[in-house]
């Protein structure tokens, strides 16, 4: 839309441009916006209705900016340039969150496997440890180790959790 505004096109032409350059749900939603505009609905209201249908924060942001442009007379080209900048910053931030989430998952995997590797290494160097655990006390020790390991995994997953922040 910003390119259309830079070419001194009207909002209706800008919306038509978006429709012709996109496909699927985006194109359909902009067709609905265009129909609203043709019915005489205010531009900001048309985008507000689009937000109510899609529930996308970026559409709400566009609706608010258009409302501000209509009320205050701010340059629409500058307003859409700011929207574009905001979207790029948001995408960059989301990508950084994804990298952090993936790093956290790798850390959980590493910290989950590390105690098992240590246990296997110790037993491989001295097989007598296995014989010491083959009685009632040994079974109790194995049970305590297993419960401790499960608690350890639970705590590690809670500490290094980042999934809830990435959409």
Foldseek 3Di string as FASTA:
>chain_A
DLVCVVVVHDPLVVLVVQLVVDDDPSNVLSVQLSVCVVVVHQNLVSLVVSCVVVVDVLSPLVSVLSVCCVVPVPRVSVSVVVSVVVVVVVVVVLVVLVVLQVVLVVVLVCVLCVVVVVVVVVCVVPVVVVVVLPDPVNVVVVVVVVVVSVVVSVVSCVVSHRVVPHD
